[in-house]
């Protein structure tokens, strides 16, 4: 997988970028959701990140999933399946130049992947030393492997595993 790796310092604008995306999602599916969460590195103040907003839409269960899919289609999202991760359905989009680049996932409230996202985010938000360590690791990985996403991920994996252990995910 050859893909340019870009990691930038935390940007305060990521908060409002998330809110813009969330607002559009709420208009289409708000009545079907339990919540819409900003997850991933852009959701942690001070953390260097790839400039792409990760969003988890939380639904009660899969009984309403087909309705969620059809409503998201009306605003330009296409269901891609779970991409190998149980209870986390991915969506791609087209024609959204007014919104920051983002990844959209729909998860039932009992999803282990959702729990992992929230637990890791909340741990980082409350632990500056972990943010500094993870951010530094990501920056180094991006410098070492600017054209190799697989190597970038491989380099930062031991740091993530250590942080998972610290926040009870291991």
C-alpha atoms as a PDB file:
ATOM      1  CA  UNK A   1       0.000   0.000   0.000  1.00  0.00           C
ATOM      2  CA  UNK A   2       1.890   3.068  -1.201  1.00  0.00           C
ATOM      3  CA  UNK A   3       0.189   6.164   0.096  1.00  0.00           C
ATOM      4  CA  UNK A   4       1.680   9.474   1.195  1.00  0.00           C
ATOM      5  CA  UNK A   5       1.906   9.720   4.979  1.00  0.00           C
ATOM      6  CA  UNK A   6       1.210  13.203   6.299  1.00  0.00           C
ATOM      7  CA  UNK A   7       1.178  13.893  10.042  1.00  0.00           C
ATOM      8  CA  UNK A   8       0.687  17.481  11.162  1.00  0.00           C
ATOM      9  CA  UNK A   9       0.603  19.228  14.562  1.00  0.00           C
ATOM     10  CA  UNK A  10      -2.790  19.424  16.283  1.00  0.00           C
ATOM     11  CA  UNK A  11      -5.100  21.943  14.648  1.00  0.00           C
ATOM     12  CA  UNK A  12      -7.821  23.646  16.701  1.00  0.00           C
ATOM     13  CA  UNK A  13      -9.919  23.805  13.480  1.00  0.00           C
ATOM     14  CA  UNK A  14     -10.490  20.036  13.700  1.00  0.00           C
ATOM     15  CA  UNK A  15     -13.108  20.636  16.406  1.00  0.00           C
ATOM     16  CA  UNK A  16     -15.236  22.863  14.187  1.00  0.00           C
ATOM     17  CA  UNK A  17     -14.627  20.603  11.152  1.00  0.00           C
ATOM     18  CA  UNK A  18     -16.083  17.723  13.166  1.00  0.00           C
ATOM     19  CA  UNK A  19     -19.067  19.864  14.218  1.00  0.00           C
ATOM     20  CA  UNK A  20     -19.802  20.736  10.563  1.00  0.00           C
ATOM     21  CA  UNK A  21     -19.789  17.074   9.560  1.00  0.00           C
ATOM     22  CA  UNK A  22     -21.835  16.121  12.623  1.00  0.00           C
ATOM     23  CA  UNK A  23     -24.455  18.754  11.784  1.00  0.00           C
ATOM     24  CA  UNK A  24     -24.907  17.342   8.272  1.00  0.00           C
ATOM     25  CA  UNK A  25     -25.147  13.793   9.662  1.00  0.00           C
ATOM     26  CA  UNK A  26     -27.666  14.823  12.332  1.00  0.00           C
ATOM     27  CA  UNK A  27     -29.933  16.363   9.704  1.00  0.00           C
ATOM     28  CA  UNK A  28     -30.011  13.058   7.813  1.00  0.00           C
ATOM     29  CA  UNK A  29     -29.946  10.437  10.586  1.00  0.00           C
ATOM     30  CA  UNK A  30     -30.040  12.230  13.938  1.00  0.00           C
ATOM     31  CA  UNK A  31     -33.319  10.614  14.961  1.00  0.00           C
ATOM     32  CA  UNK A  32     -31.765   7.154  14.440  1.00  0.00           C
ATOM     33  CA  UNK A  33     -28.596   7.706  16.445  1.00  0.00           C
ATOM     34  CA  UNK A  34     -27.629   7.482  20.089  1.00  0.00           C
ATOM     35  CA  UNK A  35     -24.668   9.754  19.429  1.00  0.00           C
ATOM     36  CA  UNK A  36     -22.074  10.955  16.960  1.00  0.00           C
ATOM     37  CA  UNK A  37     -18.543  10.864  18.361  1.00  0.00           C
ATOM     38  CA  UNK A  38     -15.325  12.515  17.220  1.00  0.00           C
ATOM     39  CA  UNK A  39     -12.712   9.776  17.679  1.00  0.00           C
ATOM     40  CA  UNK A  40      -9.175   9.177  16.462  1.00  0.00           C
ATOM     41  CA  UNK A  41      -6.169  11.431  16.832  1.00  0.00           C
ATOM     42  CA  UNK A  42      -7.853  14.618  15.592  1.00  0.00           C
ATOM     43  CA  UNK A  43     -10.192  14.394  18.600  1.00  0.00           C
ATOM     44  CA  UNK A  44      -7.343  14.734  21.108  1.00  0.00           C
ATOM     45  CA  UNK A  45      -6.139  18.265  21.811  1.00  0.00           C
ATOM     46  CA  UNK A  46      -2.389  18.587  21.307  1.00  0.00           C
ATOM     47  CA  UNK A  47      -1.962  15.300  19.417  1.00  0.00           C
ATOM     48  CA  UNK A  48      -0.262  15.316  16.020  1.00  0.00           C
ATOM     49  CA  UNK A  49      -2.402  13.529  13.443  1.00  0.00           C
ATOM     50  CA  UNK A  50      -3.134  12.799   9.836  1.00  0.00           C
ATOM     51  CA  UNK A  51      -5.568  15.621   8.934  1.00  0.00           C
ATOM     52  CA  UNK A  52      -8.605  13.367   8.579  1.00  0.00           C
ATOM     53  CA  UNK A  53     -11.521  13.418  11.021  1.00  0.00           C
ATOM     54  CA  UNK A  54     -12.642   9.997  12.334  1.00  0.00           C
ATOM     55  CA  UNK A  55     -16.319   9.782  13.246  1.00  0.00           C
ATOM     56  CA  UNK A  56     -18.302   7.017  14.923  1.00  0.00           C
ATOM     57  CA  UNK A  57     -22.070   7.183  14.547  1.00  0.00           C
ATOM     58  CA  UNK A  58     -23.649   5.150  17.343  1.00  0.00           C
ATOM     59  CA  UNK A  59     -26.894   3.274  16.750  1.00  0.00           C
ATOM     60  CA  UNK A  60     -28.843   1.102  19.197  1.00  0.00           C
ATOM     61  CA  UNK A  61     -28.483  -2.055  17.083  1.00  0.00           C
ATOM     62  CA  UNK A  62     -28.591  -3.325  13.508  1.00  0.00           C
ATOM     63  CA  UNK A  63     -32.404  -3.347  13.345  1.00  0.00           C
ATOM     64  CA  UNK A  64     -32.299   0.204  11.902  1.00  0.00           C
ATOM     65  CA  UNK A  65     -29.095  -0.166   9.906  1.00  0.00           C
ATOM     66  CA  UNK A  66     -30.774  -0.417   6.469  1.00  0.00           C
ATOM     67  CA  UNK A  67     -32.595   2.853   7.151  1.00  0.00           C
ATOM     68  CA  UNK A  68     -29.307   4.482   8.228  1.00  0.00           C
ATOM     69  CA  UNK A  69     -27.634   3.283   5.005  1.00  0.00           C
ATOM     70  CA  UNK A  70     -30.429   4.628   2.786  1.00  0.00           C
ATOM     71  CA  UNK A  71     -30.537   8.001   4.502  1.00  0.00           C
ATOM     72  CA  UNK A  72     -26.751   8.362   4.343  1.00  0.00           C
ATOM     73  CA  UNK A  73     -26.950   7.563   0.604  1.00  0.00           C
ATOM     74  CA  UNK A  74     -29.207  10.604   0.155  1.00  0.00           C
ATOM     75  CA  UNK A  75     -26.372  12.844   1.378  1.00  0.00           C
ATOM     76  CA  UNK A  76     -23.582  11.193  -0.629  1.00  0.00           C
ATOM     77  CA  UNK A  77     -22.304   8.314   1.535  1.00  0.00           C
ATOM     78  CA  UNK A  78     -21.893   4.743   0.288  1.00  0.00           C
ATOM     79  CA  UNK A  79     -21.697   1.725   2.574  1.00  0.00           C
ATOM     80  CA  UNK A  80     -18.377  -0.146   2.166  1.00  0.00           C
ATOM     81  CA  UNK A  81     -19.001  -2.988   4.616  1.00  0.00           C
ATOM     82  CA  UNK A  82     -17.084  -3.641   7.815  1.00  0.00           C
ATOM     83  CA  UNK A  83     -13.661  -3.780   6.095  1.00  0.00           C
ATOM     84  CA  UNK A  84     -12.729  -6.716   8.299  1.00  0.00           C
ATOM     85  CA  UNK A  85     -13.685  -5.159  11.648  1.00  0.00           C
ATOM     86  CA  UNK A  86     -16.761  -6.630  13.364  1.00  0.00           C
ATOM     87  CA  UNK A  87     -19.500  -4.192  14.416  1.00  0.00           C
ATOM     88  CA  UNK A  88     -17.984  -1.185  12.638  1.00  0.00           C
ATOM     89  CA  UNK A  89     -19.487  -0.364   9.261  1.00  0.00           C
ATOM     90  CA  UNK A  90     -17.480   1.981   7.025  1.00  0.00           C
ATOM     91  CA  UNK A  91     -18.834   4.568   4.619  1.00  0.00           C
ATOM     92  CA  UNK A  92     -17.088   6.460   1.832  1.00  0.00           C
ATOM     93  CA  UNK A  93     -18.374   9.674   0.342  1.00  0.00           C
ATOM     94  CA  UNK A  94     -18.178  11.767  -2.773  1.00  0.00           C
ATOM     95  CA  UNK A  95     -18.814  15.401  -3.590  1.00  0.00           C
ATOM     96  CA  UNK A  96     -18.215  16.929  -0.162  1.00  0.00           C
ATOM     97  CA  UNK A  97     -15.662  19.674  -0.862  1.00  0.00           C
ATOM     98  CA  UNK A  98     -17.332  21.801   1.845  1.00  0.00           C
ATOM     99  CA  UNK A  99     -16.282  19.303   4.541  1.00  0.00           C
ATOM    100  CA  UNK A 100     -12.840  18.285   5.787  1.00  0.00           C
ATOM    101  CA  UNK A 101     -11.622  14.846   4.735  1.00  0.00           C
ATOM    102  CA  UNK A 102     -13.084  12.277   7.108  1.00  0.00           C
ATOM    103  CA  UNK A 103     -13.724   8.619   7.814  1.00  0.00           C
ATOM    104  CA  UNK A 104     -17.265   7.690   8.776  1.00  0.00           C
ATOM    105  CA  UNK A 105     -18.194   4.562  10.707  1.00  0.00           C
ATOM    106  CA  UNK A 106     -21.523   3.352  12.060  1.00  0.00           C
ATOM    107  CA  UNK A 107     -21.369   1.153  15.165  1.00  0.00           C
ATOM    108  CA  UNK A 108     -24.004  -0.450  17.368  1.00  0.00           C
ATOM    109  CA  UNK A 109     -23.723   0.739  20.970  1.00  0.00           C
ATOM    110  CA  UNK A 110     -22.359  -2.657  22.101  1.00  0.00           C
ATOM    111  CA  UNK A 111     -19.517  -2.638  19.523  1.00  0.00           C
ATOM    112  CA  UNK A 112     -16.089  -3.573  20.880  1.00  0.00           C
ATOM    113  CA  UNK A 113     -14.497  -1.327  18.247  1.00  0.00           C
ATOM    114  CA  UNK A 114     -16.579   1.638  19.419  1.00  0.00           C
ATOM    115  CA  UNK A 115     -15.534   0.925  23.014  1.00  0.00           C
ATOM    116  CA  UNK A 116     -11.891   0.785  21.911  1.00  0.00           C
ATOM    117  CA  UNK A 117     -12.161   4.123  20.082  1.00  0.00           C
ATOM    118  CA  UNK A 118     -13.837   5.900  23.017  1.00  0.00           C
ATOM    119  CA  UNK A 119     -11.588   4.358  25.693  1.00  0.00           C
ATOM    120  CA  UNK A 120      -8.395   5.236  23.809  1.00  0.00           C
ATOM    121  CA  UNK A 121      -9.594   8.767  23.005  1.00  0.00           C
ATOM    122  CA  UNK A 122     -10.649   9.459  26.581  1.00  0.00           C
ATOM    123  CA  UNK A 123      -7.392   8.066  27.970  1.00  0.00           C
ATOM    124  CA  UNK A 124      -5.341  10.297  25.686  1.00  0.00           C
ATOM    125  CA  UNK A 125      -7.499  13.335  26.460  1.00  0.00           C
ATOM    126  CA  UNK A 126      -6.676  12.941  30.140  1.00  0.00           C
ATOM    127  CA  UNK A 127      -3.003  11.996  29.846  1.00  0.00           C
ATOM    128  CA  UNK A 128      -0.628  14.618  28.440  1.00  0.00           C
ATOM    129  CA  UNK A 129       2.430  12.343  28.709  1.00  0.00           C
ATOM    130  CA  UNK A 130       0.674   9.712  26.554  1.00  0.00           C
ATOM    131  CA  UNK A 131      -0.270  12.390  24.000  1.00  0.00           C
ATOM    132  CA  UNK A 132       3.329  13.591  23.791  1.00  0.00           C
ATOM    133  CA  UNK A 133       4.695  10.052  23.458  1.00  0.00           C
ATOM    134  CA  UNK A 134       2.160   8.988  20.806  1.00  0.00           C
ATOM    135  CA  UNK A 135       2.444  12.260  18.875  1.00  0.00           C
ATOM    136  CA  UNK A 136       6.227  12.044  18.802  1.00  0.00           C
ATOM    137  CA  UNK A 137       6.065   8.416  17.643  1.00  0.00           C
ATOM    138  CA  UNK A 138       3.662   9.327  14.836  1.00  0.00           C
ATOM    139  CA  UNK A 139       5.800  12.263  13.708  1.00  0.00           C
ATOM    140  CA  UNK A 140       8.929  10.073  13.638  1.00  0.00           C
ATOM    141  CA  UNK A 141       7.087   7.322  11.765  1.00  0.00           C
ATOM    142  CA  UNK A 142       5.873   9.821   9.142  1.00  0.00           C
ATOM    143  CA  UNK A 143       9.412  11.197   8.697  1.00  0.00           C
ATOM    144  CA  UNK A 144      10.914   7.726   8.375  1.00  0.00           C
ATOM    145  CA  UNK A 145       8.233   6.352   6.041  1.00  0.00           C
ATOM    146  CA  UNK A 146       6.679   9.293   4.160  1.00  0.00           C
ATOM    147  CA  UNK A 147       5.611   7.100   1.245  1.00  0.00           C
ATOM    148  CA  UNK A 148       4.758   3.833   2.979  1.00  0.00           C
ATOM    149  CA  UNK A 149       1.570   3.709   5.045  1.00  0.00           C
ATOM    150  CA  UNK A 150       2.145   0.066   6.016  1.00  0.00           C
ATOM    151  CA  UNK A 151       5.600   0.819   7.474  1.00  0.00           C
ATOM    152  CA  UNK A 152       4.224   3.923   9.198  1.00  0.00           C
ATOM    153  CA  UNK A 153       1.556   1.799  10.888  1.00  0.00           C
ATOM    154  CA  UNK A 154       4.071  -0.922  11.752  1.00  0.00           C
ATOM    155  CA  UNK A 155       6.432   1.629  13.352  1.00  0.00           C
ATOM    156  CA  UNK A 156       3.786   3.166  15.611  1.00  0.00           C
ATOM    157  CA  UNK A 157       2.125  -0.137  16.574  1.00  0.00           C
ATOM    158  CA  UNK A 158       4.340  -0.906  19.626  1.00  0.00           C
ATOM    159  CA  UNK A 159       3.523   2.535  21.062  1.00  0.00           C
ATOM    160  CA  UNK A 160      -0.208   1.968  20.518  1.00  0.00           C
ATOM    161  CA  UNK A 161       0.001  -1.463  22.155  1.00  0.00           C
ATOM    162  CA  UNK A 162       1.738   0.049  25.182  1.00  0.00           C
ATOM    163  CA  UNK A 163      -0.895   2.790  25.450  1.00  0.00           C
ATOM    164  CA  UNK A 164      -3.703   0.217  25.088  1.00  0.00           C
ATOM    165  CA  UNK A 165      -2.239  -1.634  28.038  1.00  0.00           C
ATOM    166  CA  UNK A 166      -2.083   1.575  30.077  1.00  0.00           C
ATOM    167  CA  UNK A 167      -5.752   2.353  29.442  1.00  0.00           C
ATOM    168  CA  UNK A 168      -6.999  -1.188  30.027  1.00  0.00           C
ATOM    169  CA  UNK A 169      -7.577  -2.277  26.439  1.00  0.00           C
ATOM    170  CA  UNK A 170      -5.110  -5.190  26.675  1.00  0.00           C
END
